[in-house]
């Protein structure tokens, strides 16, 4: 399946993308990550062990990663598809509750947003992120 990836690294075609070794050092302090990991169903991949892709080139700008270089990629195997609106919603709810992530994990609105994220429920204006274990760069698009 053809998907899209962006990066601060100018990969060459044929490069295999694997999960970041430093994912938690970059994103681990973000409340949405802590909540999503704490509420992650056992059958879903963790963010720290995933490569992040998008279903469309247009979604790369909204997905929150570096966009210095953009690529078409190919992947095989199982895709875990999620609307990133729900991770943004979790961040806003944590802020509303005072910003203490571990206390927020019990909040029903946060639990509901995490469930919608992991279940792949679309918001009114979804931006889809795809979690995979690896992907191969096919070509550079930017």
N, C-alpha and C. Protein backbone atom coordinates (compact mmCIF):
# COMPACT_ATOMS: atom_id res chain seq x y z
N UNK A 1 0.84 -1.18 0.00
CA UNK A 1 0.00 0.00 0.00
C UNK A 1 0.88 1.24 0.00
N UNK A 2 0.53 2.24 -0.79
CA UNK A 2 1.28 3.50 -0.88
C UNK A 2 0.73 4.47 0.16
N UNK A 3 1.64 5.00 0.99
CA UNK A 3 1.31 5.99 2.01
C UNK A 3 2.34 7.10 1.94
N UNK A 4 2.31 8.02 2.90
CA UNK A 4 3.16 9.20 2.88
C UNK A 4 3.85 9.38 4.22
N UNK A 5 5.09 9.91 4.17
CA UNK A 5 5.89 10.13 5.37
C UNK A 5 6.67 11.43 5.19
N UNK A 6 6.87 12.13 6.29
CA UNK A 6 7.71 13.32 6.25
C UNK A 6 8.79 13.20 7.30
N UNK A 7 9.89 13.94 7.09
CA UNK A 7 11.05 13.80 7.95
C UNK A 7 11.94 15.03 7.84
N UNK A 8 12.85 15.17 8.78
CA UNK A 8 13.89 16.19 8.68
C UNK A 8 15.11 15.62 7.96
N UNK A 9 15.06 14.32 7.63
CA UNK A 9 16.16 13.62 6.97
C UNK A 9 15.80 13.39 5.51
N UNK A 10 16.74 13.65 4.63
CA UNK A 10 16.54 13.45 3.19
C UNK A 10 16.88 11.99 2.85
N UNK A 11 15.92 11.11 3.06
CA UNK A 11 16.13 9.69 2.78
C UNK A 11 16.23 9.43 1.28
N UNK A 12 16.93 8.38 0.92
CA UNK A 12 17.01 7.97 -0.48
C UNK A 12 16.01 6.85 -0.73
N UNK A 13 15.53 6.73 -1.96
CA UNK A 13 14.63 5.62 -2.28
C UNK A 13 15.28 4.29 -1.91
N UNK A 14 14.46 3.42 -1.36
CA UNK A 14 14.94 2.12 -0.90
C UNK A 14 15.23 2.08 0.59
N UNK A 15 15.33 3.25 1.24
CA UNK A 15 15.58 3.30 2.68
C UNK A 15 14.42 2.67 3.43
N UNK A 16 14.73 1.81 4.39
CA UNK A 16 13.71 1.23 5.25
C UNK A 16 13.56 2.11 6.48
N UNK A 17 12.35 2.56 6.73
CA UNK A 17 12.05 3.36 7.92
C UNK A 17 11.68 2.42 9.05
N UNK A 18 12.29 2.62 10.19
CA UNK A 18 12.02 1.85 11.39
C UNK A 18 11.65 2.82 12.51
N UNK A 19 11.03 2.33 13.58
CA UNK A 19 10.66 3.23 14.69
C UNK A 19 11.87 3.99 15.23
N UNK A 20 11.61 5.23 15.66
CA UNK A 20 12.66 6.07 16.26
C UNK A 20 13.17 5.42 17.55
N UNK A 21 14.47 5.45 17.72
CA UNK A 21 15.03 4.94 18.98
C UNK A 21 14.81 5.94 20.11
N UNK A 22 14.63 7.21 19.77
CA UNK A 22 14.49 8.25 20.79
C UNK A 22 13.07 8.81 20.86
N UNK A 23 12.06 8.04 20.49
CA UNK A 23 10.69 8.55 20.46
C UNK A 23 10.29 9.15 21.80
N UNK A 24 10.51 8.41 22.88
CA UNK A 24 10.05 8.89 24.19
C UNK A 24 10.81 10.12 24.66
N UNK A 25 12.06 10.29 24.26
CA UNK A 25 12.78 11.50 24.66
C UNK A 25 12.20 12.73 23.98
N UNK A 26 11.62 12.55 22.79
CA UNK A 26 11.02 13.68 22.08
C UNK A 26 9.56 13.89 22.46
N UNK A 27 8.76 12.82 22.52
CA UNK A 27 7.32 12.93 22.70
C UNK A 27 6.85 12.41 24.06
N UNK A 28 7.71 11.78 24.82
CA UNK A 28 7.31 11.13 26.07
C UNK A 28 6.70 12.05 27.11
N UNK A 29 7.06 13.31 27.11
CA UNK A 29 6.49 14.25 28.09
C UNK A 29 5.18 14.87 27.64
N UNK A 30 4.76 14.57 26.43
CA UNK A 30 3.48 15.09 25.94
C UNK A 30 2.36 14.30 26.60
N UNK A 31 1.42 15.01 27.15
CA UNK A 31 0.33 14.36 27.86
C UNK A 31 -0.44 13.36 27.02
N UNK A 32 -0.67 13.69 25.74
CA UNK A 32 -1.43 12.76 24.90
C UNK A 32 -0.72 11.43 24.79
N UNK A 33 0.62 11.45 24.68
CA UNK A 33 1.37 10.19 24.55
C UNK A 33 1.20 9.35 25.81
N UNK A 34 1.36 9.98 26.96
CA UNK A 34 1.24 9.24 28.22
C UNK A 34 -0.15 8.64 28.38
N UNK A 35 -1.18 9.41 28.04
CA UNK A 35 -2.55 8.93 28.14
C UNK A 35 -2.81 7.80 27.14
N UNK A 36 -2.43 8.02 25.89
CA UNK A 36 -2.69 6.99 24.88
C UNK A 36 -1.94 5.70 25.19
N UNK A 37 -0.75 5.82 25.71
CA UNK A 37 0.00 4.61 26.07
C UNK A 37 -0.64 3.91 27.26
N UNK A 38 -1.07 4.68 28.25
CA UNK A 38 -1.70 4.08 29.43
C UNK A 38 -3.02 3.39 29.09
N UNK A 39 -3.73 3.93 28.10
CA UNK A 39 -5.05 3.41 27.73
C UNK A 39 -5.02 2.60 26.43
N UNK A 40 -3.84 2.25 25.94
CA UNK A 40 -3.69 1.52 24.69
C UNK A 40 -4.15 0.07 24.84
N UNK A 41 -5.06 -0.36 23.97
CA UNK A 41 -5.44 -1.77 23.97
C UNK A 41 -4.22 -2.64 23.64
N UNK A 42 -4.17 -3.81 24.20
CA UNK A 42 -3.02 -4.70 24.00
C UNK A 42 -2.80 -5.07 22.54
N UNK A 43 -3.84 -5.04 21.73
CA UNK A 43 -3.70 -5.43 20.33
C UNK A 43 -3.30 -4.26 19.42
N UNK A 44 -3.03 -3.10 19.99
CA UNK A 44 -2.62 -1.93 19.20
C UNK A 44 -1.14 -1.65 19.41
N UNK A 45 -0.45 -1.18 18.37
CA UNK A 45 0.98 -0.90 18.50
C UNK A 45 1.25 0.36 19.33
N UNK A 46 2.33 0.35 20.05
CA UNK A 46 2.70 1.55 20.81
C UNK A 46 3.30 2.58 19.85
N UNK A 47 3.16 3.83 20.20
CA UNK A 47 3.75 4.89 19.39
C UNK A 47 5.26 4.75 19.32
N UNK A 48 5.87 4.41 20.43
CA UNK A 48 7.34 4.35 20.45
C UNK A 48 7.89 3.23 19.58
N UNK A 49 7.07 2.27 19.21
CA UNK A 49 7.51 1.16 18.37
C UNK A 49 6.90 1.22 16.98
N UNK A 50 6.55 2.42 16.53
CA UNK A 50 5.89 2.58 15.24
C UNK A 50 6.56 3.63 14.36
N UNK A 51 6.36 3.45 13.07
CA UNK A 51 6.68 4.47 12.08
C UNK A 51 5.36 5.15 11.77
N UNK A 52 5.37 6.48 11.67
CA UNK A 52 4.15 7.25 11.45
C UNK A 52 4.04 7.64 9.98
N UNK A 53 2.88 7.34 9.41
CA UNK A 53 2.60 7.64 8.02
C UNK A 53 1.26 8.34 7.91
N UNK A 54 0.97 8.86 6.74
CA UNK A 54 -0.33 9.47 6.48
C UNK A 54 -0.94 8.84 5.24
N UNK A 55 -2.28 8.91 5.18
CA UNK A 55 -3.00 8.37 4.04
C UNK A 55 -2.91 9.27 2.82
N UNK A 56 -2.68 10.57 3.06
CA UNK A 56 -2.58 11.51 1.94
C UNK A 56 -1.41 12.46 2.16
N UNK A 57 -0.89 12.96 1.07
CA UNK A 57 0.21 13.92 1.13
C UNK A 57 -0.22 15.19 1.87
N UNK A 58 -1.46 15.60 1.69
CA UNK A 58 -1.97 16.81 2.33
C UNK A 58 -1.95 16.71 3.86
N UNK A 59 -2.15 15.52 4.38
CA UNK A 59 -2.19 15.35 5.84
C UNK A 59 -0.83 15.49 6.51
N UNK A 60 0.26 15.42 5.75
CA UNK A 60 1.59 15.52 6.36
C UNK A 60 1.79 16.82 7.11
N UNK A 61 1.24 17.93 6.60
CA UNK A 61 1.39 19.23 7.26
C UNK A 61 0.68 19.28 8.61
N UNK A 62 -0.36 18.48 8.78
CA UNK A 62 -1.16 18.51 10.00
C UNK A 62 -0.76 17.44 11.01
N UNK A 63 0.09 16.52 10.61
CA UNK A 63 0.37 15.36 11.45
C UNK A 63 1.35 15.64 12.59
N UNK A 64 2.03 16.76 12.59
CA UNK A 64 2.86 17.11 13.73
C UNK A 64 4.32 16.73 13.64
N UNK A 65 4.75 16.12 12.55
CA UNK A 65 6.16 15.75 12.41
C UNK A 65 6.92 16.78 11.61
N UNK A 66 8.21 16.51 11.41
CA UNK A 66 9.03 17.39 10.58
C UNK A 66 8.59 17.24 9.13
N UNK A 67 8.59 18.33 8.39
CA UNK A 67 8.15 18.28 6.99
C UNK A 67 9.19 18.86 6.04
N UNK A 68 10.47 18.79 6.42
CA UNK A 68 11.53 19.28 5.54
C UNK A 68 11.55 18.48 4.23
N UNK A 69 11.32 17.17 4.35
CA UNK A 69 11.31 16.28 3.19
C UNK A 69 10.07 15.39 3.29
N UNK A 70 9.43 15.14 2.16
CA UNK A 70 8.23 14.30 2.14
C UNK A 70 8.43 13.18 1.13
N UNK A 71 7.85 12.03 1.44
CA UNK A 71 8.10 10.84 0.66
C UNK A 71 6.83 10.02 0.43
N UNK A 72 6.82 9.30 -0.68
CA UNK A 72 5.87 8.21 -0.88
C UNK A 72 6.55 6.97 -0.32
N UNK A 73 5.80 6.19 0.43
CA UNK A 73 6.36 4.98 1.00
C UNK A 73 5.46 3.79 0.71
N UNK A 74 6.04 2.64 0.86
CA UNK A 74 5.30 1.39 0.67
C UNK A 74 5.40 0.59 1.95
N UNK A 75 4.31 -0.02 2.31
CA UNK A 75 4.32 -0.82 3.52
C UNK A 75 3.54 -2.10 3.30
N UNK A 76 3.89 -3.09 4.05
CA UNK A 76 3.16 -4.36 4.03
C UNK A 76 2.74 -4.64 5.46
N UNK A 77 1.82 -5.53 5.60
CA UNK A 77 1.40 -5.91 6.94
C UNK A 77 0.27 -5.05 7.45
N UNK A 78 0.03 -5.20 8.73
CA UNK A 78 -1.11 -4.56 9.37
C UNK A 78 -0.90 -3.07 9.57
N UNK A 79 -1.95 -2.30 9.26
CA UNK A 79 -1.95 -0.87 9.49
C UNK A 79 -2.82 -0.57 10.70
N UNK A 80 -2.40 0.36 11.53
CA UNK A 80 -3.21 0.83 12.64
C UNK A 80 -3.52 2.30 12.35
N UNK A 81 -4.78 2.61 12.00
CA UNK A 81 -5.16 3.92 11.48
C UNK A 81 -5.96 4.69 12.54
N UNK A 82 -5.54 5.96 12.79
CA UNK A 82 -6.13 6.76 13.87
C UNK A 82 -6.28 8.22 13.45
N UNK A 83 -7.36 8.85 13.90
CA UNK A 83 -7.59 10.27 13.67
C UNK A 83 -6.85 11.05 14.76
N UNK A 84 -5.86 11.86 14.36
CA UNK A 84 -5.06 12.58 15.36
C UNK A 84 -5.85 13.68 16.06
N UNK A 85 -7.04 13.96 15.58
CA UNK A 85 -7.91 14.91 16.29
C UNK A 85 -8.05 14.49 17.76
N UNK A 86 -8.16 13.20 18.00
CA UNK A 86 -8.41 12.71 19.37
C UNK A 86 -7.20 12.91 20.26
N UNK A 87 -5.99 12.84 19.73
CA UNK A 87 -4.81 13.12 20.56
C UNK A 87 -4.74 14.61 20.90
N UNK A 88 -5.15 15.46 19.96
CA UNK A 88 -5.23 16.89 20.24
C UNK A 88 -6.30 17.16 21.30
N UNK A 89 -7.43 16.49 21.18
CA UNK A 89 -8.52 16.62 22.16
C UNK A 89 -8.02 16.22 23.56
N UNK A 90 -7.26 15.15 23.64
CA UNK A 90 -6.70 14.71 24.92
C UNK A 90 -5.81 15.79 25.51
N UNK A 91 -4.95 16.39 24.69
CA UNK A 91 -4.07 17.46 25.16
C UNK A 91 -4.88 18.62 25.72
N UNK A 92 -5.94 19.03 25.01
CA UNK A 92 -6.79 20.14 25.47
C UNK A 92 -7.49 19.78 26.78
N UNK A 93 -7.97 18.56 26.90
CA UNK A 93 -8.64 18.13 28.13
C UNK A 93 -7.68 18.10 29.31
N UNK A 94 -6.46 17.64 29.07
CA UNK A 94 -5.44 17.64 30.14
C UNK A 94 -5.18 19.07 30.60
N UNK A 95 -5.05 20.00 29.65
CA UNK A 95 -4.83 21.41 30.00
C UNK A 95 -6.00 21.95 30.82
N UNK A 96 -7.23 21.59 30.41
CA UNK A 96 -8.42 22.04 31.14
C UNK A 96 -8.46 21.51 32.57
N UNK A 97 -7.88 20.33 32.78
CA UNK A 97 -7.90 19.71 34.10
C UNK A 97 -6.67 20.07 34.94
N UNK A 98 -5.83 20.93 34.43
CA UNK A 98 -4.69 21.39 35.23
C UNK A 98 -3.36 20.79 34.83
N UNK A 99 -3.34 19.96 33.82
CA UNK A 99 -2.07 19.51 33.27
C UNK A 99 -1.36 18.38 33.98
N UNK A 100 -1.97 17.71 34.94
CA UNK A 100 -1.32 16.58 35.61
C UNK A 100 -1.80 15.30 34.92
N UNK A 101 -0.98 14.80 34.02
CA UNK A 101 -1.38 13.70 33.14
C UNK A 101 -1.83 12.46 33.89
N UNK A 102 -1.07 12.01 34.87
CA UNK A 102 -1.43 10.74 35.53
C UNK A 102 -2.76 10.83 36.26
N UNK A 103 -3.17 12.01 36.70
CA UNK A 103 -4.49 12.18 37.32
C UNK A 103 -5.60 12.20 36.28
N UNK A 104 -5.25 12.63 35.07
CA UNK A 104 -6.26 12.78 34.01
C UNK A 104 -6.67 11.46 33.38
N UNK A 105 -5.88 10.43 33.56
CA UNK A 105 -6.16 9.14 32.92
C UNK A 105 -7.50 8.57 33.40
N UNK A 106 -7.99 9.03 34.53
CA UNK A 106 -9.27 8.54 35.06
C UNK A 106 -10.46 9.38 34.61
N UNK A 107 -10.21 10.49 33.93
CA UNK A 107 -11.28 11.38 33.50
C UNK A 107 -12.07 10.71 32.37
N UNK A 108 -13.40 10.71 32.48
CA UNK A 108 -14.24 10.00 31.50
C UNK A 108 -14.13 10.60 30.10
N UNK A 109 -13.95 11.91 29.98
CA UNK A 109 -13.82 12.53 28.66
C UNK A 109 -12.50 12.15 27.99
N UNK A 110 -11.46 12.06 28.80
CA UNK A 110 -10.15 11.66 28.27
C UNK A 110 -10.19 10.18 27.88
N UNK A 111 -10.79 9.37 28.70
CA UNK A 111 -10.92 7.94 28.38
C UNK A 111 -11.70 7.78 27.08
N UNK A 112 -12.77 8.54 26.92
CA UNK A 112 -13.58 8.48 25.71
C UNK A 112 -12.79 8.91 24.47
N UNK A 113 -12.01 9.99 24.58
CA UNK A 113 -11.20 10.45 23.45
C UNK A 113 -10.12 9.41 23.10
N UNK A 114 -9.51 8.80 24.10
CA UNK A 114 -8.49 7.77 23.84
C UNK A 114 -9.12 6.56 23.16
N UNK A 115 -10.31 6.18 23.60
CA UNK A 115 -11.01 5.05 22.99
C UNK A 115 -11.31 5.35 21.52
N UNK A 116 -11.76 6.56 21.24
CA UNK A 116 -12.06 6.94 19.85
C UNK A 116 -10.78 6.91 19.01
N UNK A 117 -9.67 7.38 19.59
CA UNK A 117 -8.39 7.34 18.88
C UNK A 117 -8.04 5.89 18.52
N UNK A 118 -8.00 5.03 19.53
CA UNK A 118 -7.58 3.65 19.31
C UNK A 118 -8.57 2.86 18.45
N UNK A 119 -9.84 3.21 18.49
CA UNK A 119 -10.84 2.52 17.67
C UNK A 119 -10.89 3.04 16.23
N UNK A 120 -10.16 4.11 15.94
CA UNK A 120 -10.14 4.65 14.59
C UNK A 120 -11.40 5.40 14.22
N UNK A 121 -12.05 6.00 15.22
CA UNK A 121 -13.27 6.77 14.98
C UNK A 121 -12.91 8.11 14.34
N UNK A 122 -13.64 8.50 13.31
CA UNK A 122 -13.39 9.77 12.63
C UNK A 122 -14.05 10.92 13.38
N UNK A 123 -13.33 12.03 13.47
CA UNK A 123 -13.91 13.27 13.98
C UNK A 123 -14.61 13.98 12.82
N UNK A 124 -15.08 15.20 13.06
CA UNK A 124 -15.73 15.95 11.98
C UNK A 124 -14.78 16.27 10.83
N UNK A 125 -13.53 16.52 11.14
CA UNK A 125 -12.49 16.81 10.14
C UNK A 125 -11.26 15.94 10.41
N UNK A 126 -11.32 14.67 10.07
CA UNK A 126 -10.23 13.78 10.44
C UNK A 126 -8.92 14.05 9.70
N UNK A 127 -7.85 13.85 10.43
CA UNK A 127 -6.51 13.78 9.85
C UNK A 127 -5.97 12.43 10.31
N UNK A 128 -5.73 11.56 9.36
CA UNK A 128 -5.39 10.18 9.68
C UNK A 128 -3.89 9.97 9.80
N UNK A 129 -3.48 9.33 10.88
CA UNK A 129 -2.10 8.87 11.01
C UNK A 129 -2.15 7.35 11.01
N UNK A 130 -1.13 6.77 10.41
CA UNK A 130 -1.05 5.33 10.29
C UNK A 130 0.20 4.86 11.01
N UNK A 131 0.04 3.92 11.92
CA UNK A 131 1.16 3.35 12.65
C UNK A 131 1.50 1.99 12.03
N UNK A 132 2.77 1.82 11.67
CA UNK A 132 3.25 0.57 11.10
C UNK A 132 4.60 0.24 11.73
N UNK A 133 5.02 -1.00 11.58
CA UNK A 133 6.31 -1.41 12.16
C UNK A 133 7.48 -1.01 11.28
N UNK A 134 7.26 -0.84 9.96
CA UNK A 134 8.32 -0.39 9.06
C UNK A 134 7.68 0.05 7.74
N UNK A 135 8.46 0.79 6.96
CA UNK A 135 8.02 1.24 5.65
C UNK A 135 9.25 1.47 4.79
N UNK A 136 9.06 1.37 3.49
CA UNK A 136 10.16 1.55 2.54
C UNK A 136 9.91 2.81 1.71
N UNK A 137 10.92 3.69 1.64
CA UNK A 137 10.83 4.90 0.83
C UNK A 137 10.80 4.49 -0.64
N UNK A 138 9.79 4.97 -1.36
CA UNK A 138 9.69 4.72 -2.80
C UNK A 138 10.26 5.91 -3.57
N UNK A 139 9.81 7.12 -3.19
CA UNK A 139 10.29 8.31 -3.88
C UNK A 139 10.09 9.54 -3.02
N UNK A 140 10.88 10.55 -3.32
CA UNK A 140 10.78 11.84 -2.65
C UNK A 140 9.74 12.67 -3.39
N UNK A 141 8.87 13.35 -2.65
CA UNK A 141 7.86 14.21 -3.27
C UNK A 141 8.09 15.69 -2.94
N UNK A 142 8.98 15.97 -2.00
CA UNK A 142 9.28 17.36 -1.62
C UNK A 142 10.68 17.40 -1.03
